[in-house]
Amino acid sequence: MRKKIIALISITMLMITIISCETLQSSAREITRSYIEQHKPDIKFKKASISSVTLQDITLTTLMEIKNNLDFEIPIEKLQIDLVNTSGKTFATATSSETLKIPANQAKDVNLNFKAKYLDVFTTAFDAIKTKSFKCSAKVTLTFTVYGMKFEFPYTKELTFTE
């Protein structure tokens, strides 16, 4: 009788182990490069403003929201934004200085400041006067690594700076 109970317990434990391994394998198969690319983070600019003017330069500030569409936390290693005028010239660049962790299926706001030299801003403003709008493009690159896979997602958004 004792041998039968031990054999029954052993078979039950073996079945539980097999089922657990199959579940783990199927969830590991779901997290592929194409899955992450299909569910890449969304970005949205909430605000773009001129925050200060000094004798040397102008500080432009952006507030953007990054939404994680994945079922696990993503660590944004690098966030870079290039501001590009209507002539296609980059006139200011900002890069995040720390890793930003965004929990699963949540969003986080990020502030980035740009230091723009007067000559570069003047060229952009001059282009804006010609086109009757003070708009520029923001070329955003999000970089993160999950499950040993490195991703760089490019985005292009239009910004209008206000005072």
N, C-alpha and C. Protein backbone atom coordinates (compact mmCIF):
# COMPACT_ATOMS: atom_id res chain seq x y z
N MET A 1 0.82 -1.19 0.00
CA MET A 1 0.00 0.00 0.00
C MET A 1 0.87 1.26 0.00
N ARG A 2 1.91 1.22 0.82
CA ARG A 2 2.80 2.38 0.92
C ARG A 2 3.49 2.67 -0.41
N LYS A 3 3.91 1.62 -1.12
CA LYS A 3 4.56 1.78 -2.41
C LYS A 3 3.61 2.39 -3.44
N LYS A 4 2.32 2.01 -3.36
CA LYS A 4 1.32 2.56 -4.29
C LYS A 4 1.12 4.06 -4.04
N ILE A 5 1.09 4.45 -2.77
CA ILE A 5 0.92 5.88 -2.45
C ILE A 5 2.12 6.68 -2.92
N ILE A 6 3.33 6.15 -2.69
CA ILE A 6 4.55 6.82 -3.13
C ILE A 6 4.56 6.93 -4.66
N ALA A 7 4.17 5.86 -5.34
CA ALA A 7 4.12 5.87 -6.81
C ALA A 7 3.08 6.87 -7.30
N LEU A 8 1.94 6.94 -6.65
CA LEU A 8 0.88 7.88 -7.03
C LEU A 8 1.33 9.33 -6.82
N ILE A 9 1.98 9.59 -5.70
CA ILE A 9 2.50 10.94 -5.42
C ILE A 9 3.58 11.31 -6.44
N SER A 10 4.45 10.37 -6.76
CA SER A 10 5.52 10.62 -7.74
C SER A 10 4.94 10.94 -9.12
N ILE A 11 3.95 10.17 -9.54
CA ILE A 11 3.31 10.41 -10.84
C ILE A 11 2.62 11.77 -10.85
N THR A 12 1.93 12.12 -9.77
CA THR A 12 1.25 13.42 -9.67
C THR A 12 2.26 14.56 -9.74
N MET A 13 3.38 14.44 -9.02
CA MET A 13 4.41 15.49 -9.05
C MET A 13 5.03 15.61 -10.44
N LEU A 14 5.23 14.49 -11.10
CA LEU A 14 5.79 14.49 -12.45
C LEU A 14 4.84 15.19 -13.42
N MET A 15 3.54 14.92 -13.29
CA MET A 15 2.55 15.58 -14.17
C MET A 15 2.51 17.08 -13.91
N ILE A 16 2.56 17.49 -12.66
CA ILE A 16 2.56 18.92 -12.33
C ILE A 16 3.80 19.59 -12.92
N THR A 17 4.94 18.93 -12.81
CA THR A 17 6.18 19.49 -13.37
C THR A 17 6.09 19.63 -14.89
N ILE A 18 5.56 18.63 -15.55
CA ILE A 18 5.42 18.67 -17.02
C ILE A 18 4.48 19.79 -17.43
N ILE A 19 3.35 19.91 -16.75
CA ILE A 19 2.38 20.97 -17.07
C ILE A 19 3.00 22.35 -16.83
N SER A 20 3.75 22.52 -15.74
CA SER A 20 4.41 23.80 -15.44
C SER A 20 5.42 24.15 -16.52
N CYS A 21 6.19 23.17 -16.97
CA CYS A 21 7.19 23.42 -18.01
C CYS A 21 6.52 23.82 -19.33
N GLU A 22 5.42 23.16 -19.67
CA GLU A 22 4.70 23.50 -20.89
C GLU A 22 4.14 24.92 -20.81
N THR A 23 3.60 25.30 -19.66
CA THR A 23 3.06 26.65 -19.48
C THR A 23 4.18 27.68 -19.62
N LEU A 24 5.33 27.40 -19.01
CA LEU A 24 6.47 28.31 -19.08
C LEU A 24 6.96 28.44 -20.52
N GLN A 25 7.04 27.31 -21.25
CA GLN A 25 7.48 27.36 -22.64
C GLN A 25 6.51 28.16 -23.50
N SER A 26 5.21 27.98 -23.31
CA SER A 26 4.26 28.71 -24.15
C SER A 26 4.31 30.20 -23.86
N SER A 27 4.50 30.61 -22.60
CA SER A 27 4.60 32.05 -22.31
C SER A 27 5.90 32.61 -22.83
N ALA A 28 6.98 31.81 -22.81
CA ALA A 28 8.26 32.28 -23.36
C ALA A 28 8.16 32.47 -24.87
N ARG A 29 7.39 31.61 -25.55
CA ARG A 29 7.22 31.74 -26.99
C ARG A 29 6.47 33.01 -27.36
N GLU A 30 5.58 33.47 -26.49
CA GLU A 30 4.79 34.66 -26.77
C GLU A 30 5.65 35.93 -26.78
N ILE A 31 6.69 35.96 -25.97
CA ILE A 31 7.54 37.15 -25.89
C ILE A 31 8.66 37.04 -26.90
N THR A 32 8.35 37.41 -28.13
CA THR A 32 9.31 37.39 -29.22
C THR A 32 9.56 38.81 -29.68
N ARG A 33 10.54 38.97 -30.54
CA ARG A 33 10.85 40.30 -31.09
C ARG A 33 9.63 40.89 -31.80
N SER A 34 8.92 40.09 -32.57
CA SER A 34 7.76 40.62 -33.29
C SER A 34 6.63 41.01 -32.34
N TYR A 35 6.47 40.26 -31.25
CA TYR A 35 5.45 40.61 -30.25
C TYR A 35 5.75 41.97 -29.64
N ILE A 36 7.00 42.19 -29.27
CA ILE A 36 7.39 43.46 -28.66
C ILE A 36 7.26 44.60 -29.67
N GLU A 37 7.65 44.35 -30.93
CA GLU A 37 7.52 45.38 -31.96
C GLU A 37 6.06 45.73 -32.23
N GLN A 38 5.17 44.75 -32.16
CA GLN A 38 3.74 45.01 -32.38
C GLN A 38 3.14 45.80 -31.22
N HIS A 39 3.67 45.64 -30.03
CA HIS A 39 3.15 46.30 -28.84
C HIS A 39 4.12 47.36 -28.31
N LYS A 40 4.86 47.98 -29.22
CA LYS A 40 5.87 48.96 -28.80
C LYS A 40 5.21 50.11 -28.03
N PRO A 41 6.00 50.80 -27.22
CA PRO A 41 5.45 51.91 -26.44
C PRO A 41 4.89 53.02 -27.34
N ASP A 42 3.87 53.70 -26.83
CA ASP A 42 3.31 54.87 -27.51
C ASP A 42 3.88 56.11 -26.85
N ILE A 43 4.08 57.15 -27.63
CA ILE A 43 4.51 58.42 -27.05
C ILE A 43 3.54 59.51 -27.48
N LYS A 44 3.38 60.48 -26.59
CA LYS A 44 2.49 61.60 -26.88
C LYS A 44 3.09 62.83 -26.18
N PHE A 45 3.23 63.91 -26.93
CA PHE A 45 3.70 65.16 -26.33
C PHE A 45 2.51 65.88 -25.73
N LYS A 46 2.63 66.22 -24.46
CA LYS A 46 1.57 66.93 -23.76
C LYS A 46 1.78 68.43 -23.78
N LYS A 47 3.06 68.85 -23.82
CA LYS A 47 3.35 70.27 -23.76
C LYS A 47 4.73 70.54 -24.35
N ALA A 48 4.85 71.65 -25.04
CA ALA A 48 6.13 72.13 -25.56
C ALA A 48 6.17 73.64 -25.31
N SER A 49 7.17 74.08 -24.55
CA SER A 49 7.19 75.50 -24.18
C SER A 49 8.61 76.05 -24.15
N ILE A 50 8.66 77.38 -24.21
CA ILE A 50 9.92 78.11 -24.04
C ILE A 50 10.02 78.40 -22.55
N SER A 51 10.97 77.77 -21.86
CA SER A 51 10.99 77.91 -20.40
C SER A 51 11.92 79.01 -19.90
N SER A 52 12.99 79.33 -20.63
CA SER A 52 13.84 80.45 -20.21
C SER A 52 14.64 80.97 -21.39
N VAL A 53 14.98 82.25 -21.26
CA VAL A 53 15.79 82.93 -22.28
C VAL A 53 16.94 83.60 -21.55
N THR A 54 18.18 83.28 -21.93
CA THR A 54 19.36 83.91 -21.33
C THR A 54 20.14 84.60 -22.43
N LEU A 55 21.26 85.19 -22.07
CA LEU A 55 22.09 85.86 -23.07
C LEU A 55 22.80 84.85 -23.98
N GLN A 56 22.98 83.62 -23.51
CA GLN A 56 23.67 82.62 -24.32
C GLN A 56 22.73 81.74 -25.15
N ASP A 57 21.59 81.38 -24.57
CA ASP A 57 20.74 80.42 -25.28
C ASP A 57 19.29 80.50 -24.80
N ILE A 58 18.48 79.66 -25.40
CA ILE A 58 17.07 79.55 -25.05
C ILE A 58 16.83 78.10 -24.60
N THR A 59 16.10 77.94 -23.50
CA THR A 59 15.77 76.60 -23.02
C THR A 59 14.34 76.28 -23.43
N LEU A 60 14.20 75.20 -24.16
CA LEU A 60 12.90 74.69 -24.58
C LEU A 60 12.60 73.45 -23.74
N THR A 61 11.37 73.32 -23.30
CA THR A 61 10.98 72.20 -22.44
C THR A 61 9.83 71.43 -23.08
N THR A 62 9.95 70.12 -23.04
CA THR A 62 8.85 69.27 -23.52
C THR A 62 8.40 68.35 -22.39
N LEU A 63 7.12 68.11 -22.36
CA LEU A 63 6.54 67.12 -21.45
C LEU A 63 5.89 66.08 -22.33
N MET A 64 6.38 64.85 -22.22
CA MET A 64 5.84 63.79 -23.04
C MET A 64 5.42 62.61 -22.17
N GLU A 65 4.48 61.85 -22.69
CA GLU A 65 4.00 60.66 -22.00
C GLU A 65 4.46 59.45 -22.79
N ILE A 66 5.05 58.48 -22.09
CA ILE A 66 5.45 57.22 -22.71
C ILE A 66 4.55 56.14 -22.11
N LYS A 67 3.82 55.44 -22.96
CA LYS A 67 2.90 54.40 -22.50
C LYS A 67 3.45 53.03 -22.87
N ASN A 68 3.62 52.19 -21.86
CA ASN A 68 4.08 50.82 -22.06
C ASN A 68 2.87 49.95 -22.39
N ASN A 69 2.84 49.38 -23.57
CA ASN A 69 1.74 48.51 -24.01
C ASN A 69 2.01 47.03 -23.77
N LEU A 70 3.09 46.72 -23.07
CA LEU A 70 3.47 45.33 -22.84
C LEU A 70 3.04 44.88 -21.44
N ASP A 71 3.00 43.58 -21.25
CA ASP A 71 2.57 43.00 -19.98
C ASP A 71 3.71 42.86 -18.98
N PHE A 72 4.81 43.54 -19.23
CA PHE A 72 5.94 43.51 -18.30
C PHE A 72 6.63 44.87 -18.32
N GLU A 73 7.38 45.15 -17.27
CA GLU A 73 8.08 46.43 -17.14
C GLU A 73 9.15 46.56 -18.21
N ILE A 74 9.30 47.78 -18.75
CA ILE A 74 10.40 48.02 -19.68
C ILE A 74 11.31 49.11 -19.11
N PRO A 75 12.61 48.87 -19.18
CA PRO A 75 13.57 49.87 -18.72
C PRO A 75 14.07 50.69 -19.92
N ILE A 76 13.63 51.93 -20.04
CA ILE A 76 14.09 52.79 -21.13
C ILE A 76 15.51 53.22 -20.79
N GLU A 77 16.48 52.71 -21.53
CA GLU A 77 17.88 53.02 -21.27
C GLU A 77 18.26 54.39 -21.81
N LYS A 78 17.66 54.74 -22.93
CA LYS A 78 18.00 56.01 -23.57
C LYS A 78 16.77 56.57 -24.25
N LEU A 79 16.56 57.84 -24.04
CA LEU A 79 15.49 58.57 -24.71
C LEU A 79 16.14 59.80 -25.32
N GLN A 80 16.14 59.87 -26.64
CA GLN A 80 16.76 61.00 -27.33
C GLN A 80 15.74 61.67 -28.21
N ILE A 81 15.73 63.00 -28.17
CA ILE A 81 14.82 63.77 -29.02
C ILE A 81 15.64 64.81 -29.77
N ASP A 82 15.51 64.83 -31.09
CA ASP A 82 16.11 65.84 -31.94
C ASP A 82 14.99 66.73 -32.45
N LEU A 83 15.11 68.03 -32.24
CA LEU A 83 14.15 68.98 -32.79
C LEU A 83 14.64 69.41 -34.16
N VAL A 84 13.79 69.24 -35.16
CA VAL A 84 14.16 69.49 -36.55
C VAL A 84 13.26 70.57 -37.11
N ASN A 85 13.85 71.63 -37.71
CA ASN A 85 13.04 72.71 -38.26
C ASN A 85 12.45 72.32 -39.61
N THR A 86 11.67 73.21 -40.18
CA THR A 86 10.98 72.90 -41.44
C THR A 86 11.94 72.74 -42.61
N SER A 87 13.18 73.22 -42.44
CA SER A 87 14.20 73.04 -43.48
C SER A 87 14.92 71.70 -43.35
N GLY A 88 14.59 70.94 -42.31
CA GLY A 88 15.22 69.64 -42.11
C GLY A 88 16.49 69.68 -41.27
N LYS A 89 16.81 70.83 -40.66
CA LYS A 89 18.02 70.97 -39.86
C LYS A 89 17.69 70.75 -38.38
N THR A 90 18.50 69.92 -37.71
CA THR A 90 18.36 69.72 -36.26
C THR A 90 18.89 70.96 -35.56
N PHE A 91 18.04 71.59 -34.73
CA PHE A 91 18.47 72.80 -34.03
C PHE A 91 18.62 72.61 -32.53
N ALA A 92 18.18 71.49 -31.98
CA ALA A 92 18.38 71.20 -30.56
C ALA A 92 18.19 69.70 -30.33
N THR A 93 18.95 69.18 -29.35
CA THR A 93 18.87 67.76 -29.01
C THR A 93 18.87 67.61 -27.50
N ALA A 94 18.07 66.67 -27.00
CA ALA A 94 18.06 66.35 -25.57
C ALA A 94 18.09 64.83 -25.43
N THR A 95 18.81 64.38 -24.40
CA THR A 95 18.91 62.96 -24.12
C THR A 95 18.65 62.73 -22.63
N SER A 96 17.89 61.72 -22.31
CA SER A 96 17.63 61.40 -20.90
C SER A 96 18.93 60.95 -20.25
N SER A 97 19.06 61.25 -18.96
CA SER A 97 20.31 60.95 -18.27
C SER A 97 20.22 59.73 -17.36
N GLU A 98 19.04 59.18 -17.19
CA GLU A 98 18.88 58.02 -16.31
C GLU A 98 17.91 57.02 -16.91
N THR A 99 18.01 55.77 -16.44
CA THR A 99 17.10 54.73 -16.90
C THR A 99 15.71 54.99 -16.33
N LEU A 100 14.73 54.91 -17.18
CA LEU A 100 13.34 55.16 -16.80
C LEU A 100 12.60 53.83 -16.87
N LYS A 101 12.08 53.37 -15.74
CA LYS A 101 11.34 52.10 -15.73
C LYS A 101 9.85 52.39 -15.80
N ILE A 102 9.20 51.79 -16.80
CA ILE A 102 7.77 51.98 -16.98
C ILE A 102 7.08 50.65 -16.70
N PRO A 103 6.23 50.62 -15.67
CA PRO A 103 5.54 49.37 -15.31
C PRO A 103 4.64 48.87 -16.45
N ALA A 104 4.30 47.61 -16.37
CA ALA A 104 3.45 46.96 -17.38
C ALA A 104 2.13 47.71 -17.54
N ASN A 105 1.77 47.95 -18.81
CA ASN A 105 0.50 48.58 -19.17
C ASN A 105 0.23 49.91 -18.45
N GLN A 106 1.27 50.67 -18.20
CA GLN A 106 1.13 51.97 -17.56
C GLN A 106 1.90 53.01 -18.35
N ALA A 107 1.69 54.26 -17.98
CA ALA A 107 2.35 55.37 -18.67
C ALA A 107 3.11 56.22 -17.66
N LYS A 108 4.15 56.90 -18.14
CA LYS A 108 4.92 57.82 -17.31
C LYS A 108 5.18 59.09 -18.09
N ASP A 109 5.17 60.21 -17.37
CA ASP A 109 5.50 61.49 -17.98
C ASP A 109 6.99 61.75 -17.84
N VAL A 110 7.57 62.34 -18.89
CA VAL A 110 8.99 62.65 -18.90
C VAL A 110 9.17 64.10 -19.36
N ASN A 111 9.95 64.88 -18.61
CA ASN A 111 10.32 66.23 -19.00
C ASN A 111 11.72 66.22 -19.57
N LEU A 112 11.91 66.86 -20.70
CA LEU A 112 13.25 67.02 -21.25
C LEU A 112 13.45 68.48 -21.63
N ASN A 113 14.64 68.99 -21.31
CA ASN A 113 14.99 70.37 -21.65
C ASN A 113 16.00 70.38 -22.79
N PHE A 114 15.85 71.36 -23.66
CA PHE A 114 16.74 71.55 -24.79
C PHE A 114 17.40 72.91 -24.66
N LYS A 115 18.70 72.96 -24.87
CA LYS A 115 19.40 74.24 -24.94
C LYS A 115 19.64 74.52 -26.42
N ALA A 116 19.07 75.60 -26.89
CA ALA A 116 19.21 75.96 -28.30
C ALA A 116 19.95 77.28 -28.41
N LYS A 117 20.95 77.33 -29.26
CA LYS A 117 21.70 78.56 -29.51
C LYS A 117 20.83 79.52 -30.31
N TYR A 118 21.06 80.82 -30.10
CA TYR A 118 20.24 81.83 -30.77
C TYR A 118 20.28 81.69 -32.28
N LEU A 119 21.44 81.44 -32.84
CA LEU A 119 21.55 81.34 -34.29
C LEU A 119 20.66 80.21 -34.82
N ASP A 120 20.67 79.06 -34.13
CA ASP A 120 19.85 77.93 -34.56
C ASP A 120 18.36 78.24 -34.40
N VAL A 121 17.99 78.88 -33.29
CA VAL A 121 16.58 79.24 -33.07
C VAL A 121 16.16 80.32 -34.06
N PHE A 122 17.06 81.27 -34.35
CA PHE A 122 16.73 82.31 -35.31
C PHE A 122 16.42 81.70 -36.67
N THR A 123 17.24 80.75 -37.10
CA THR A 123 17.00 80.09 -38.38
C THR A 123 15.64 79.40 -38.36
N THR A 124 15.32 78.74 -37.28
CA THR A 124 14.03 78.06 -37.16
C THR A 124 12.89 79.08 -37.14
N ALA A 125 13.08 80.17 -36.38
CA ALA A 125 12.05 81.21 -36.31
C ALA A 125 11.87 81.88 -37.67
N PHE A 126 12.95 82.10 -38.38
CA PHE A 126 12.86 82.71 -39.70
C PHE A 126 12.07 81.81 -40.64
N ASP A 127 12.34 80.50 -40.58
CA ASP A 127 11.57 79.54 -41.38
C ASP A 127 10.10 79.56 -40.97
N ALA A 128 9.85 79.72 -39.67
CA ALA A 128 8.48 79.76 -39.16
C ALA A 128 7.74 80.99 -39.68
N ILE A 129 8.43 82.12 -39.73
CA ILE A 129 7.81 83.34 -40.25
C ILE A 129 7.42 83.15 -41.71
N LYS A 130 8.31 82.53 -42.48
CA LYS A 130 8.03 82.29 -43.89
C LYS A 130 6.82 81.38 -44.07
N THR A 131 6.69 80.36 -43.21
CA THR A 131 5.59 79.41 -43.35
C THR A 131 4.39 79.76 -42.48
N LYS A 132 4.51 80.86 -41.70
CA LYS A 132 3.44 81.36 -40.83
C LYS A 132 3.02 80.37 -39.74
N SER A 133 3.97 79.57 -39.26
CA SER A 133 3.70 78.70 -38.12
C SER A 133 5.02 78.36 -37.44
N PHE A 134 5.02 78.32 -36.11
CA PHE A 134 6.23 77.98 -35.37
C PHE A 134 6.15 76.52 -34.97
N LYS A 135 6.37 75.69 -35.94
CA LYS A 135 6.29 74.26 -35.71
C LYS A 135 7.63 73.62 -36.04
N CYS A 136 7.85 72.49 -35.42
CA CYS A 136 9.04 71.70 -35.75
C CYS A 136 8.69 70.23 -35.56
N SER A 137 9.56 69.39 -36.03
CA SER A 137 9.38 67.95 -35.84
C SER A 137 10.26 67.49 -34.70
N ALA A 138 9.77 66.54 -33.95
CA ALA A 138 10.56 65.91 -32.89
C ALA A 138 10.84 64.49 -33.33
N LYS A 139 12.11 64.20 -33.54
CA LYS A 139 12.50 62.83 -33.88
C LYS A 139 12.94 62.17 -32.58
N VAL A 140 12.14 61.21 -32.14
CA VAL A 140 12.33 60.56 -30.84
C VAL A 140 12.86 59.15 -31.07
N THR A 141 13.83 58.76 -30.25
CA THR A 141 14.32 57.38 -30.29
C THR A 141 14.28 56.82 -28.87
N LEU A 142 13.52 55.73 -28.68
CA LEU A 142 13.45 55.02 -27.41
C LEU A 142 14.31 53.77 -27.53
N THR A 143 15.19 53.56 -26.56
CA THR A 143 16.05 52.38 -26.57
C THR A 143 15.85 51.61 -25.27
N PHE A 144 15.57 50.30 -25.38
CA PHE A 144 15.49 49.46 -24.19
C PHE A 144 15.85 48.02 -24.55
N THR A 145 16.21 47.26 -23.51
CA THR A 145 16.56 45.86 -23.67
C THR A 145 15.69 45.03 -22.74
N VAL A 146 15.01 44.03 -23.30
CA VAL A 146 14.22 43.09 -22.52
C VAL A 146 14.50 41.68 -23.01
N TYR A 147 14.58 40.76 -22.09
CA TYR A 147 14.83 39.35 -22.40
C TYR A 147 16.00 39.17 -23.36
N GLY A 148 17.04 39.97 -23.17
CA GLY A 148 18.25 39.87 -23.98
C GLY A 148 18.11 40.44 -25.39
N MET A 149 16.98 41.07 -25.69
CA MET A 149 16.78 41.66 -27.02
C MET A 149 16.80 43.18 -26.89
N LYS A 150 17.63 43.84 -27.71
CA LYS A 150 17.73 45.30 -27.68
C LYS A 150 16.82 45.89 -28.75
N PHE A 151 16.10 46.95 -28.37
CA PHE A 151 15.17 47.61 -29.28
C PHE A 151 15.47 49.09 -29.35
N GLU A 152 15.36 49.65 -30.55
CA GLU A 152 15.42 51.10 -30.78
C GLU A 152 14.22 51.45 -31.63
N PHE A 153 13.27 52.16 -31.04
CA PHE A 153 12.07 52.53 -31.76
C PHE A 153 12.12 54.01 -32.12
N PRO A 154 12.04 54.34 -33.42
CA PRO A 154 12.00 55.75 -33.83
C PRO A 154 10.55 56.24 -33.96
N TYR A 155 10.33 57.48 -33.60
CA TYR A 155 9.03 58.13 -33.72
C TYR A 155 9.28 59.53 -34.28
N THR A 156 8.33 60.06 -35.02
CA THR A 156 8.39 61.44 -35.46
C THR A 156 7.05 62.10 -35.12
N LYS A 157 7.12 63.18 -34.37
CA LYS A 157 5.93 63.90 -33.94
C LYS A 157 6.11 65.38 -34.28
N GLU A 158 5.00 66.05 -34.52
CA GLU A 158 5.05 67.48 -34.79
C GLU A 158 4.81 68.24 -33.47
N LEU A 159 5.64 69.28 -33.24
CA LEU A 159 5.51 70.10 -32.03
C LEU A 159 5.29 71.56 -32.40
N THR A 160 4.54 72.24 -31.57
CA THR A 160 4.38 73.69 -31.69
C THR A 160 4.76 74.28 -30.34
N PHE A 161 5.80 75.11 -30.33
CA PHE A 161 6.26 75.70 -29.08
C PHE A 161 5.49 76.98 -28.80
N THR A 162 5.08 77.14 -27.54
CA THR A 162 4.39 78.35 -27.10
C THR A 162 5.10 78.90 -25.87
N GLU A 163 4.86 80.14 -25.60
CA GLU A 163 5.51 80.77 -24.45
C GLU A 163 4.68 80.64 -23.20
